[in-house]
Amino acid sequence: MMISRAHALQLLSLCDGEEIWSIEYCRSQSVPERWVRELRNGYESGFADPTQTIYYDGRVVNQFEGVLAVDIAVRVAAILGVDVTRIAGHHLSREGIVRAIREQVEEG
C-alpha cells in the first residue's frame, strides 16, 4: 500500500516507539485501514513495573486494543526505503528502532 511521502513523514513524526495508538487515533491520522486491520492487537497492563502500565485519556486501563507506534514506523520506513531489518537487529528498544528509522530518513 502506497501513501504519499509527506503523509509517511507526518506519521513518522508522530511515532515515539512506546505508545499504543488507539484505533480512533489511527483513523484520525489517516493510517491506512489495511495497516490498522493487520497491526491491531489487544494489550494488557502490567503493574509490577510502571513502564508496563497502559494509560488512556490520563487513566490506567487494564486492557487496551490498538496499534503499536513502532509498527506504524516500521511500515512507514518500508515505504521510505529504509532497511528496517538491519535497524531492528541493532536496536533492542522500540524507541531506539523509531529513532534509528528517523535518522536513516534524515540522512536520506
PDB file of N, CA and C in Angstrom:
ATOM      1  N   MET A   1       0.851  -1.176   0.000  1.00  0.00           N
ATOM      2  CA  MET A   1       0.000   0.000   0.000  1.00  0.00           C
ATOM      3  C   MET A   1       0.894   1.236   0.000  1.00  0.00           C
ATOM      4  N   MET A   2       0.636   2.088  -0.917  1.00  0.00           N
ATOM      5  CA  MET A   2       1.427   3.318  -1.012  1.00  0.00           C
ATOM      6  C   MET A   2       0.670   4.485  -0.390  1.00  0.00           C
ATOM      7  N   ILE A   3       1.403   5.270   0.340  1.00  0.00           N
ATOM      8  CA  ILE A   3       0.909   6.549   0.825  1.00  0.00           C
ATOM      9  C   ILE A   3       1.929   7.583   0.383  1.00  0.00           C
ATOM     10  N   SER A   4       1.552   8.829   0.380  1.00  0.00           N
ATOM     11  CA  SER A   4       2.485   9.847  -0.084  1.00  0.00           C
ATOM     12  C   SER A   4       3.668   9.974   0.884  1.00  0.00           C
ATOM     13  N   ARG A   5       4.770  10.450   0.357  1.00  0.00           N
ATOM     14  CA  ARG A   5       5.951  10.661   1.191  1.00  0.00           C
ATOM     15  C   ARG A   5       5.638  11.649   2.312  1.00  0.00           C
ATOM     16  N   ALA A   6       4.896  12.698   1.996  1.00  0.00           N
ATOM     17  CA  ALA A   6       4.539  13.699   3.008  1.00  0.00           C
ATOM     18  C   ALA A   6       3.717  13.074   4.127  1.00  0.00           C
ATOM     19  N   HIS A   7       2.770  12.226   3.770  1.00  0.00           N
ATOM     20  CA  HIS A   7       1.948  11.560   4.784  1.00  0.00           C
ATOM     21  C   HIS A   7       2.793  10.588   5.598  1.00  0.00           C
ATOM     22  N   ALA A   8       3.686   9.864   4.939  1.00  0.00           N
ATOM     23  CA  ALA A   8       4.578   8.936   5.638  1.00  0.00           C
ATOM     24  C   ALA A   8       5.447   9.675   6.650  1.00  0.00           C
ATOM     25  N   LEU A   9       6.009  10.797   6.239  1.00  0.00           N
ATOM     26  CA  LEU A   9       6.844  11.592   7.149  1.00  0.00           C
ATOM     27  C   LEU A   9       6.033  12.150   8.315  1.00  0.00           C
ATOM     28  N   GLN A  10       4.797  12.542   8.033  1.00  0.00           N
ATOM     29  CA  GLN A  10       3.927  13.059   9.096  1.00  0.00           C
ATOM     30  C   GLN A  10       3.646  11.963  10.122  1.00  0.00           C
ATOM     31  N   LEU A  11       3.329  10.748   9.662  1.00  0.00           N
ATOM     32  CA  LEU A  11       3.086   9.648  10.584  1.00  0.00           C
ATOM     33  C   LEU A  11       4.338   9.325  11.392  1.00  0.00           C
ATOM     34  N   LEU A  12       5.488   9.296  10.733  1.00  0.00           N
ATOM     35  CA  LEU A  12       6.738   9.009  11.428  1.00  0.00           C
ATOM     36  C   LEU A  12       7.019  10.045  12.503  1.00  0.00           C
ATOM     37  N   SER A  13       6.702  11.295  12.230  1.00  0.00           N
ATOM     38  CA  SER A  13       6.944  12.353  13.227  1.00  0.00           C
ATOM     39  C   SER A  13       6.085  12.165  14.475  1.00  0.00           C
ATOM     40  N   LEU A  14       4.977  11.462  14.347  1.00  0.00           N
ATOM     41  CA  LEU A  14       4.085  11.228  15.488  1.00  0.00           C
ATOM     42  C   LEU A  14       4.489  10.020  16.326  1.00  0.00           C
ATOM     43  N   CYS A  15       5.302   9.153  15.756  1.00  0.00           N
ATOM     44  CA  CYS A  15       5.684   7.914  16.441  1.00  0.00           C
ATOM     45  C   CYS A  15       6.784   8.177  17.464  1.00  0.00           C
ATOM     46  N   ASP A  16       6.585   7.621  18.658  1.00  0.00           N
ATOM     47  CA  ASP A  16       7.645   7.703  19.654  1.00  0.00           C
ATOM     48  C   ASP A  16       8.225   6.323  19.961  1.00  0.00           C
ATOM     49  N   GLY A  17       7.566   5.301  19.503  1.00  0.00           N
ATOM     50  CA  GLY A  17       8.049   3.948  19.727  1.00  0.00           C
ATOM     51  C   GLY A  17       7.426   3.270  20.917  1.00  0.00           C
ATOM     52  N   GLU A  18       7.023   4.010  21.917  1.00  0.00           N
ATOM     53  CA  GLU A  18       6.490   3.412  23.137  1.00  0.00           C
ATOM     54  C   GLU A  18       4.973   3.441  23.213  1.00  0.00           C
ATOM     55  N   GLU A  19       4.328   4.276  22.435  1.00  0.00           N
ATOM     56  CA  GLU A  19       2.880   4.424  22.531  1.00  0.00           C
ATOM     57  C   GLU A  19       2.134   3.297  21.833  1.00  0.00           C
ATOM     58  N   ILE A  20       0.912   3.095  22.310  1.00  0.00           N
ATOM     59  CA  ILE A  20      -0.056   2.265  21.615  1.00  0.00           C
ATOM     60  C   ILE A  20      -1.117   3.235  21.118  1.00  0.00           C
ATOM     61  N   TRP A  21      -1.292   3.301  19.816  1.00  0.00           N
ATOM     62  CA  TRP A  21      -2.284   4.210  19.239  1.00  0.00           C
ATOM     63  C   TRP A  21      -3.649   3.536  19.252  1.00  0.00           C
ATOM     64  N   SER A  22      -4.645   4.245  19.713  1.00  0.00           N
ATOM     65  CA  SER A  22      -5.999   3.713  19.661  1.00  0.00           C
ATOM     66  C   SER A  22      -6.432   3.607  18.197  1.00  0.00           C
ATOM     67  N   ILE A  23      -7.409   2.777  17.961  1.00  0.00           N
ATOM     68  CA  ILE A  23      -7.929   2.629  16.602  1.00  0.00           C
ATOM     69  C   ILE A  23      -8.465   3.971  16.108  1.00  0.00           C
ATOM     70  N   GLU A  24      -9.137   4.702  16.995  1.00  0.00           N
ATOM     71  CA  GLU A  24      -9.678   6.015  16.634  1.00  0.00           C
ATOM     72  C   GLU A  24      -8.565   6.986  16.256  1.00  0.00           C
ATOM     73  N   TYR A  25      -7.468   6.970  17.021  1.00  0.00           N
ATOM     74  CA  TYR A  25      -6.347   7.864  16.728  1.00  0.00           C
ATOM     75  C   TYR A  25      -5.730   7.499  15.374  1.00  0.00           C
ATOM     76  N   CYS A  26      -5.566   6.204  15.117  1.00  0.00           N
ATOM     77  CA  CYS A  26      -5.031   5.769  13.820  1.00  0.00           C
ATOM     78  C   CYS A  26      -5.869   6.338  12.690  1.00  0.00           C
ATOM     79  N   ARG A  27      -7.175   6.227  12.841  1.00  0.00           N
ATOM     80  CA  ARG A  27      -8.065   6.719  11.793  1.00  0.00           C
ATOM     81  C   ARG A  27      -8.004   8.231  11.680  1.00  0.00           C
ATOM     82  N   SER A  28      -7.884   8.921  12.801  1.00  0.00           N
ATOM     83  CA  SER A  28      -7.815  10.385  12.752  1.00  0.00           C
ATOM     84  C   SER A  28      -6.537  10.867  12.074  1.00  0.00           C
ATOM     85  N   GLN A  29      -5.493  10.036  12.078  1.00  0.00           N
ATOM     86  CA  GLN A  29      -4.223  10.384  11.441  1.00  0.00           C
ATOM     87  C   GLN A  29      -4.104   9.770  10.046  1.00  0.00           C
ATOM     88  N   SER A  30      -5.189   9.206   9.570  1.00  0.00           N
ATOM     89  CA  SER A  30      -5.255   8.586   8.237  1.00  0.00           C
ATOM     90  C   SER A  30      -4.241   7.461   8.045  1.00  0.00           C
ATOM     91  N   VAL A  31      -4.049   6.664   9.110  1.00  0.00           N
ATOM     92  CA  VAL A  31      -3.255   5.450   8.961  1.00  0.00           C
ATOM     93  C   VAL A  31      -4.061   4.547   8.031  1.00  0.00           C
ATOM     94  N   PRO A  32      -3.436   3.974   7.015  1.00  0.00           N
ATOM     95  CA  PRO A  32      -4.190   3.123   6.095  1.00  0.00           C
ATOM     96  C   PRO A  32      -4.983   2.049   6.849  1.00  0.00           C
ATOM     97  N   GLU A  33      -6.226   1.898   6.478  1.00  0.00           N
ATOM     98  CA  GLU A  33      -7.119   0.950   7.161  1.00  0.00           C
ATOM     99  C   GLU A  33      -6.561  -0.468   7.122  1.00  0.00           C
ATOM    100  N   ARG A  34      -5.900  -0.823   6.051  1.00  0.00           N
ATOM    101  CA  ARG A  34      -5.287  -2.160   5.961  1.00  0.00           C
ATOM    102  C   ARG A  34      -4.244  -2.347   7.061  1.00  0.00           C
ATOM    103  N   TRP A  35      -3.430  -1.334   7.299  1.00  0.00           N
ATOM    104  CA  TRP A  35      -2.435  -1.418   8.363  1.00  0.00           C
ATOM    105  C   TRP A  35      -3.117  -1.610   9.710  1.00  0.00           C
ATOM    106  N   VAL A  36      -4.167  -0.839   9.938  1.00  0.00           N
ATOM    107  CA  VAL A  36      -4.880  -0.937  11.218  1.00  0.00           C
ATOM    108  C   VAL A  36      -5.397  -2.361  11.410  1.00  0.00           C
ATOM    109  N   ARG A  37      -6.002  -2.926  10.384  1.00  0.00           N
ATOM    110  CA  ARG A  37      -6.525  -4.300  10.475  1.00  0.00           C
ATOM    111  C   ARG A  37      -5.404  -5.295  10.754  1.00  0.00           C
ATOM    112  N   GLU A  38      -4.282  -5.123  10.082  1.00  0.00           N
ATOM    113  CA  GLU A  38      -3.181  -6.085  10.209  1.00  0.00           C
ATOM    114  C   GLU A  38      -2.395  -5.923  11.515  1.00  0.00           C
ATOM    115  N   LEU A  39      -2.310  -4.711  12.020  1.00  0.00           N
ATOM    116  CA  LEU A  39      -1.440  -4.441  13.172  1.00  0.00           C
ATOM    117  C   LEU A  39      -2.159  -4.349  14.515  1.00  0.00           C
ATOM    118  N   ARG A  40      -3.476  -4.213  14.506  1.00  0.00           N
ATOM    119  CA  ARG A  40      -4.196  -4.046  15.769  1.00  0.00           C
ATOM    120  C   ARG A  40      -4.054  -5.289  16.628  1.00  0.00           C
ATOM    121  N   ASN A  41      -4.010  -5.032  17.926  1.00  0.00           N
ATOM    122  CA  ASN A  41      -3.819  -6.112  18.878  1.00  0.00           C
ATOM    123  C   ASN A  41      -4.379  -5.680  20.220  1.00  0.00           C
ATOM    124  N   GLY A  42      -4.609  -6.635  21.086  1.00  0.00           N
ATOM    125  CA  GLY A  42      -5.035  -6.342  22.449  1.00  0.00           C
ATOM    126  C   GLY A  42      -3.838  -6.392  23.380  1.00  0.00           C
ATOM    127  N   TYR A  43      -3.766  -5.437  24.294  1.00  0.00           N
ATOM    128  CA  TYR A  43      -2.642  -5.346  25.227  1.00  0.00           C
ATOM    129  C   TYR A  43      -3.169  -5.278  26.648  1.00  0.00           C
ATOM    130  N   GLU A  44      -2.394  -5.818  27.590  1.00  0.00           N
ATOM    131  CA  GLU A  44      -2.764  -5.770  28.994  1.00  0.00           C
ATOM    132  C   GLU A  44      -1.711  -5.008  29.767  1.00  0.00           C
ATOM    133  N   SER A  45      -2.188  -4.222  30.733  1.00  0.00           N
ATOM    134  CA  SER A  45      -1.265  -3.506  31.603  1.00  0.00           C
ATOM    135  C   SER A  45      -0.561  -4.491  32.524  1.00  0.00           C
ATOM    136  N   GLY A  46       0.676  -4.175  32.805  1.00  0.00           N
ATOM    137  CA  GLY A  46       1.429  -4.884  33.837  1.00  0.00           C
ATOM    138  C   GLY A  46       1.667  -3.882  34.951  1.00  0.00           C
ATOM    139  N   PHE A  47       1.467  -4.303  36.176  1.00  0.00           N
ATOM    140  CA  PHE A  47       1.537  -3.346  37.270  1.00  0.00           C
ATOM    141  C   PHE A  47       2.784  -3.505  38.140  1.00  0.00           C
ATOM    142  N   ALA A  48       3.627  -4.469  37.833  1.00  0.00           N
ATOM    143  CA  ALA A  48       4.860  -4.661  38.594  1.00  0.00           C
ATOM    144  C   ALA A  48       5.873  -3.565  38.281  1.00  0.00           C
ATOM    145  N   ASP A  49       5.808  -3.040  37.063  1.00  0.00           N
ATOM    146  CA  ASP A  49       6.741  -2.015  36.613  1.00  0.00           C
ATOM    147  C   ASP A  49       5.927  -0.903  35.949  1.00  0.00           C
ATOM    148  N   PRO A  50       6.129   0.354  36.345  1.00  0.00           N
ATOM    149  CA  PRO A  50       5.347   1.451  35.772  1.00  0.00           C
ATOM    150  C   PRO A  50       5.432   1.563  34.252  1.00  0.00           C
ATOM    151  N   THR A  51       6.510   1.093  33.650  1.00  0.00           N
ATOM    152  CA  THR A  51       6.630   1.174  32.197  1.00  0.00           C
ATOM    153  C   THR A  51       5.713   0.179  31.495  1.00  0.00           C
ATOM    154  N   GLN A  52       5.125  -0.752  32.236  1.00  0.00           N
ATOM    155  CA  GLN A  52       4.219  -1.737  31.652  1.00  0.00           C
ATOM    156  C   GLN A  52       2.753  -1.339  31.802  1.00  0.00           C
ATOM    157  N   THR A  53       2.501  -0.224  32.474  1.00  0.00           N
ATOM    158  CA  THR A  53       1.135   0.217  32.713  1.00  0.00           C
ATOM    159  C   THR A  53       0.646   1.026  31.519  1.00  0.00           C
ATOM    160  N   ILE A  54      -0.566   0.720  31.073  1.00  0.00           N
ATOM    161  CA  ILE A  54      -1.152   1.405  29.918  1.00  0.00           C
ATOM    162  C   ILE A  54      -2.106   2.480  30.419  1.00  0.00           C
ATOM    163  N   TYR A  55      -1.950   3.679  29.858  1.00  0.00           N
ATOM    164  CA  TYR A  55      -2.812   4.810  30.185  1.00  0.00           C
ATOM    165  C   TYR A  55      -3.584   5.225  28.936  1.00  0.00           C
ATOM    166  N   TYR A  56      -4.853   5.563  29.134  1.00  0.00           N
ATOM    167  CA  TYR A  56      -5.664   6.090  28.045  1.00  0.00           C
ATOM    168  C   TYR A  56      -6.506   7.224  28.605  1.00  0.00           C
ATOM    169  N   ASP A  57      -6.429   8.376  27.973  1.00  0.00           N
ATOM    170  CA  ASP A  57      -7.113   9.584  28.463  1.00  0.00           C
ATOM    171  C   ASP A  57      -6.742   9.888  29.906  1.00  0.00           C
ATOM    172  N   GLY A  58      -5.459   9.664  30.238  1.00  0.00           N
ATOM    173  CA  GLY A  58      -4.960  10.001  31.566  1.00  0.00           C
ATOM    174  C   GLY A  58      -5.331   9.011  32.654  1.00  0.00           C
ATOM    175  N   ARG A  59      -5.963   7.907  32.288  1.00  0.00           N
ATOM    176  CA  ARG A  59      -6.361   6.902  33.277  1.00  0.00           C
ATOM    177  C   ARG A  59      -5.692   5.567  32.989  1.00  0.00           C
ATOM    178  N   VAL A  60      -5.438   4.824  34.037  1.00  0.00           N
ATOM    179  CA  VAL A  60      -4.887   3.482  33.889  1.00  0.00           C
ATOM    180  C   VAL A  60      -5.989   2.566  33.355  1.00  0.00           C
ATOM    181  N   VAL A  61      -5.639   1.758  32.358  1.00  0.00           N
ATOM    182  CA  VAL A  61      -6.571   0.765  31.832  1.00  0.00           C
ATOM    183  C   VAL A  61      -5.935  -0.616  31.943  1.00  0.00           C
ATOM    184  N   ASN A  62      -6.767  -1.612  32.206  1.00  0.00           N
ATOM    185  CA  ASN A  62      -6.264  -2.982  32.313  1.00  0.00           C
ATOM    186  C   ASN A  62      -5.982  -3.580  30.944  1.00  0.00           C
ATOM    187  N   GLN A  63      -6.889  -3.297  30.006  1.00  0.00           N
ATOM    188  CA  GLN A  63      -6.746  -3.831  28.655  1.00  0.00           C
ATOM    189  C   GLN A  63      -6.972  -2.709  27.656  1.00  0.00           C
ATOM    190  N   PHE A  64      -6.295  -2.837  26.515  1.00  0.00           N
ATOM    191  CA  PHE A  64      -6.405  -1.793  25.506  1.00  0.00           C
ATOM    192  C   PHE A  64      -6.187  -2.415  24.138  1.00  0.00           C
ATOM    193  N   GLU A  65      -7.022  -2.038  23.187  1.00  0.00           N
ATOM    194  CA  GLU A  65      -6.850  -2.502  21.811  1.00  0.00           C
ATOM    195  C   GLU A  65      -6.312  -1.351  20.980  1.00  0.00           C
ATOM    196  N   GLY A  66      -5.246  -1.617  20.251  1.00  0.00           N
ATOM    197  CA  GLY A  66      -4.656  -0.570  19.440  1.00  0.00           C
ATOM    198  C   GLY A  66      -3.521  -1.084  18.592  1.00  0.00           C
ATOM    199  N   VAL A  67      -2.714  -0.143  18.110  1.00  0.00           N
ATOM    200  CA  VAL A  67      -1.585  -0.436  17.229  1.00  0.00           C
ATOM    201  C   VAL A  67      -0.332   0.184  17.850  1.00  0.00           C
ATOM    202  N   LEU A  68       0.727  -0.597  17.937  1.00  0.00           N
ATOM    203  CA  LEU A  68       1.989  -0.063  18.452  1.00  0.00           C
ATOM    204  C   LEU A  68       2.551   0.971  17.482  1.00  0.00           C
ATOM    205  N   ALA A  69       2.954   2.106  18.019  1.00  0.00           N
ATOM    206  CA  ALA A  69       3.527   3.168  17.190  1.00  0.00           C
ATOM    207  C   ALA A  69       4.764   2.670  16.445  1.00  0.00           C
ATOM    208  N   VAL A  70       5.538   1.813  17.058  1.00  0.00           N
ATOM    209  CA  VAL A  70       6.732   1.285  16.386  1.00  0.00           C
ATOM    210  C   VAL A  70       6.348   0.502  15.138  1.00  0.00           C
ATOM    211  N   ASP A  71       5.201  -0.186  15.176  1.00  0.00           N
ATOM    212  CA  ASP A  71       4.764  -0.932  13.999  1.00  0.00           C
ATOM    213  C   ASP A  71       4.381   0.000  12.854  1.00  0.00           C
ATOM    214  N   ILE A  72       3.779   1.131  13.199  1.00  0.00           N
ATOM    215  CA  ILE A  72       3.472   2.147  12.182  1.00  0.00           C
ATOM    216  C   ILE A  72       4.783   2.665  11.589  1.00  0.00           C
ATOM    217  N   ALA A  73       5.755   2.958  12.449  1.00  0.00           N
ATOM    218  CA  ALA A  73       7.047   3.473  11.991  1.00  0.00           C
ATOM    219  C   ALA A  73       7.733   2.488  11.052  1.00  0.00           C
ATOM    220  N   VAL A  74       7.627   1.206  11.349  1.00  0.00           N
ATOM    221  CA  VAL A  74       8.247   0.177  10.500  1.00  0.00           C
ATOM    222  C   VAL A  74       7.578   0.138   9.131  1.00  0.00           C
ATOM    223  N   ARG A  75       6.255   0.253   9.100  1.00  0.00           N
ATOM    224  CA  ARG A  75       5.546   0.276   7.811  1.00  0.00           C
ATOM    225  C   ARG A  75       5.939   1.518   7.006  1.00  0.00           C
ATOM    226  N   VAL A  76       6.027   2.645   7.692  1.00  0.00           N
ATOM    227  CA  VAL A  76       6.430   3.893   7.033  1.00  0.00           C
ATOM    228  C   VAL A  76       7.852   3.756   6.498  1.00  0.00           C
ATOM    229  N   ALA A  77       8.734   3.167   7.286  1.00  0.00           N
ATOM    230  CA  ALA A  77      10.128   3.004   6.868  1.00  0.00           C
ATOM    231  C   ALA A  77      10.220   2.207   5.571  1.00  0.00           C
ATOM    232  N   ALA A  78       9.424   1.170   5.459  1.00  0.00           N
ATOM    233  CA  ALA A  78       9.442   0.365   4.236  1.00  0.00           C
ATOM    234  C   ALA A  78       9.051   1.210   3.031  1.00  0.00           C
ATOM    235  N   ILE A  79       8.070   2.071   3.203  1.00  0.00           N
ATOM    236  CA  ILE A  79       7.639   2.949   2.106  1.00  0.00           C
ATOM    237  C   ILE A  79       8.742   3.935   1.740  1.00  0.00           C
ATOM    238  N   LEU A  80       9.487   4.393   2.754  1.00  0.00           N
ATOM    239  CA  LEU A  80      10.538   5.382   2.524  1.00  0.00           C
ATOM    240  C   LEU A  80      11.868   4.746   2.120  1.00  0.00           C
ATOM    241  N   GLY A  81      11.893   3.429   1.988  1.00  0.00           N
ATOM    242  CA  GLY A  81      13.090   2.742   1.514  1.00  0.00           C
ATOM    243  C   GLY A  81      14.151   2.499   2.576  1.00  0.00           C
ATOM    244  N   VAL A  82      13.771   2.512   3.833  1.00  0.00           N
ATOM    245  CA  VAL A  82      14.723   2.279   4.924  1.00  0.00           C
ATOM    246  C   VAL A  82      14.821   0.778   5.185  1.00  0.00           C
ATOM    247  N   ASP A  83      16.035   0.272   5.376  1.00  0.00           N
ATOM    248  CA  ASP A  83      16.273  -1.140   5.661  1.00  0.00           C
ATOM    249  C   ASP A  83      15.966  -1.406   7.144  1.00  0.00           C
ATOM    250  N   VAL A  84      14.726  -1.777   7.404  1.00  0.00           N
ATOM    251  CA  VAL A  84      14.270  -1.966   8.779  1.00  0.00           C
ATOM    252  C   VAL A  84      14.874  -3.211   9.409  1.00  0.00           C
ATOM    253  N   THR A  85      15.148  -4.234   8.621  1.00  0.00           N
ATOM    254  CA  THR A  85      15.720  -5.464   9.158  1.00  0.00           C
ATOM    255  C   THR A  85      17.059  -5.185   9.833  1.00  0.00           C
ATOM    256  N   ARG A  86      17.877  -4.391   9.176  1.00  0.00           N
ATOM    257  CA  ARG A  86      19.193  -4.045   9.742  1.00  0.00           C
ATOM    258  C   ARG A  86      19.023  -3.225  11.013  1.00  0.00           C
ATOM    259  N   ILE A  87      18.105  -2.287  10.988  1.00  0.00           N
ATOM    260  CA  ILE A  87      17.871  -1.425  12.147  1.00  0.00           C
ATOM    261  C   ILE A  87      17.386  -2.245  13.336  1.00  0.00           C
ATOM    262  N   ALA A  88      16.413  -3.107  13.105  1.00  0.00           N
ATOM    263  CA  ALA A  88      15.840  -3.904  14.202  1.00  0.00           C
ATOM    264  C   ALA A  88      16.889  -4.815  14.823  1.00  0.00           C
ATOM    265  N   GLY A  89      17.841  -5.265  14.024  1.00  0.00           N
ATOM    266  CA  GLY A  89      18.900  -6.117  14.547  1.00  0.00           C
ATOM    267  C   GLY A  89      19.879  -5.399  15.461  1.00  0.00           C
ATOM    268  N   HIS A  90      19.947  -4.082  15.350  1.00  0.00           N
ATOM    269  CA  HIS A  90      20.910  -3.317  16.139  1.00  0.00           C
ATOM    270  C   HIS A  90      20.288  -2.571  17.316  1.00  0.00           C
ATOM    271  N   HIS A  91      18.983  -2.458  17.355  1.00  0.00           N
ATOM    272  CA  HIS A  91      18.314  -1.672  18.396  1.00  0.00           C
ATOM    273  C   HIS A  91      17.330  -2.557  19.143  1.00  0.00           C
ATOM    274  N   LEU A  92      17.511  -2.627  20.453  1.00  0.00           N
ATOM    275  CA  LEU A  92      16.683  -3.514  21.252  1.00  0.00           C
ATOM    276  C   LEU A  92      15.364  -2.885  21.668  1.00  0.00           C
ATOM    277  N   SER A  93      15.321  -1.599  21.810  1.00  0.00           N
ATOM    278  CA  SER A  93      14.095  -0.959  22.284  1.00  0.00           C
ATOM    279  C   SER A  93      13.253  -0.462  21.118  1.00  0.00           C
ATOM    280  N   ARG A  94      11.961  -0.390  21.346  1.00  0.00           N
ATOM    281  CA  ARG A  94      11.068   0.149  20.315  1.00  0.00           C
ATOM    282  C   ARG A  94      11.409   1.606  20.039  1.00  0.00           C
ATOM    283  N   GLU A  95      11.709   2.351  21.081  1.00  0.00           N
ATOM    284  CA  GLU A  95      12.082   3.763  20.915  1.00  0.00           C
ATOM    285  C   GLU A  95      13.354   3.886  20.078  1.00  0.00           C
ATOM    286  N   GLY A  96      14.311   2.995  20.312  1.00  0.00           N
ATOM    287  CA  GLY A  96      15.558   3.000  19.544  1.00  0.00           C
ATOM    288  C   GLY A  96      15.328   2.704  18.071  1.00  0.00           C
ATOM    289  N   ILE A  97      14.397   1.806  17.780  1.00  0.00           N
ATOM    290  CA  ILE A  97      14.073   1.492  16.392  1.00  0.00           C
ATOM    291  C   ILE A  97      13.496   2.712  15.699  1.00  0.00           C
ATOM    292  N   VAL A  98      12.553   3.392  16.354  1.00  0.00           N
ATOM    293  CA  VAL A  98      11.943   4.583  15.748  1.00  0.00           C
ATOM    294  C   VAL A  98      12.997   5.669  15.544  1.00  0.00           C
ATOM    295  N   ARG A  99      13.849   5.870  16.520  1.00  0.00           N
ATOM    296  CA  ARG A  99      14.902   6.887  16.400  1.00  0.00           C
ATOM    297  C   ARG A  99      15.828   6.567  15.230  1.00  0.00           C
ATOM    298  N   ALA A 100      16.205   5.300  15.099  1.00  0.00           N
ATOM    299  CA  ALA A 100      17.093   4.897  14.000  1.00  0.00           C
ATOM    300  C   ALA A 100      16.413   5.066  12.642  1.00  0.00           C
ATOM    301  N   ILE A 101      15.128   4.780  12.567  1.00  0.00           N
ATOM    302  CA  ILE A 101      14.393   4.987  11.317  1.00  0.00           C
ATOM    303  C   ILE A 101      14.421   6.470  10.955  1.00  0.00           C
ATOM    304  N   ARG A 102      14.146   7.321  11.923  1.00  0.00           N
ATOM    305  CA  ARG A 102      14.167   8.770  11.661  1.00  0.00           C
ATOM    306  C   ARG A 102      15.538   9.225  11.184  1.00  0.00           C
ATOM    307  N   GLU A 103      16.589   8.722  11.824  1.00  0.00           N
ATOM    308  CA  GLU A 103      17.941   9.100  11.434  1.00  0.00           C
ATOM    309  C   GLU A 103      18.232   8.674   9.991  1.00  0.00           C
ATOM    310  N   GLN A 104      17.823   7.472   9.626  1.00  0.00           N
ATOM    311  CA  GLN A 104      18.038   6.987   8.259  1.00  0.00           C
ATOM    312  C   GLN A 104      17.283   7.854   7.255  1.00  0.00           C
ATOM    313  N   VAL A 105      16.060   8.238   7.597  1.00  0.00           N
ATOM    314  CA  VAL A 105      15.266   9.079   6.703  1.00  0.00           C
ATOM    315  C   VAL A 105      15.933  10.430   6.532  1.00  0.00           C
ATOM    316  N   GLU A 106      16.430  11.007   7.637  1.00  0.00           N
ATOM    317  CA  GLU A 106      17.078  12.316   7.579  1.00  0.00           C
ATOM    318  C   GLU A 106      18.370  12.270   6.763  1.00  0.00           C
ATOM    319  N   GLU A 107      19.100  11.160   6.861  1.00  0.00           N
ATOM    320  CA  GLU A 107      20.343  11.020   6.104  1.00  0.00           C
ATOM    321  C   GLU A 107      20.076  10.777   4.633  1.00  0.00           C
ATOM    322  N   GLY A 108      18.857  10.262   4.365  1.00  0.00           N
ATOM    323  CA  GLY A 108      18.331  10.099   3.037  1.00  0.00           C
ATOM    324  C   GLY A 108      19.033   9.323   2.047  1.00  0.00           C
TER     325      GLY A 108
END
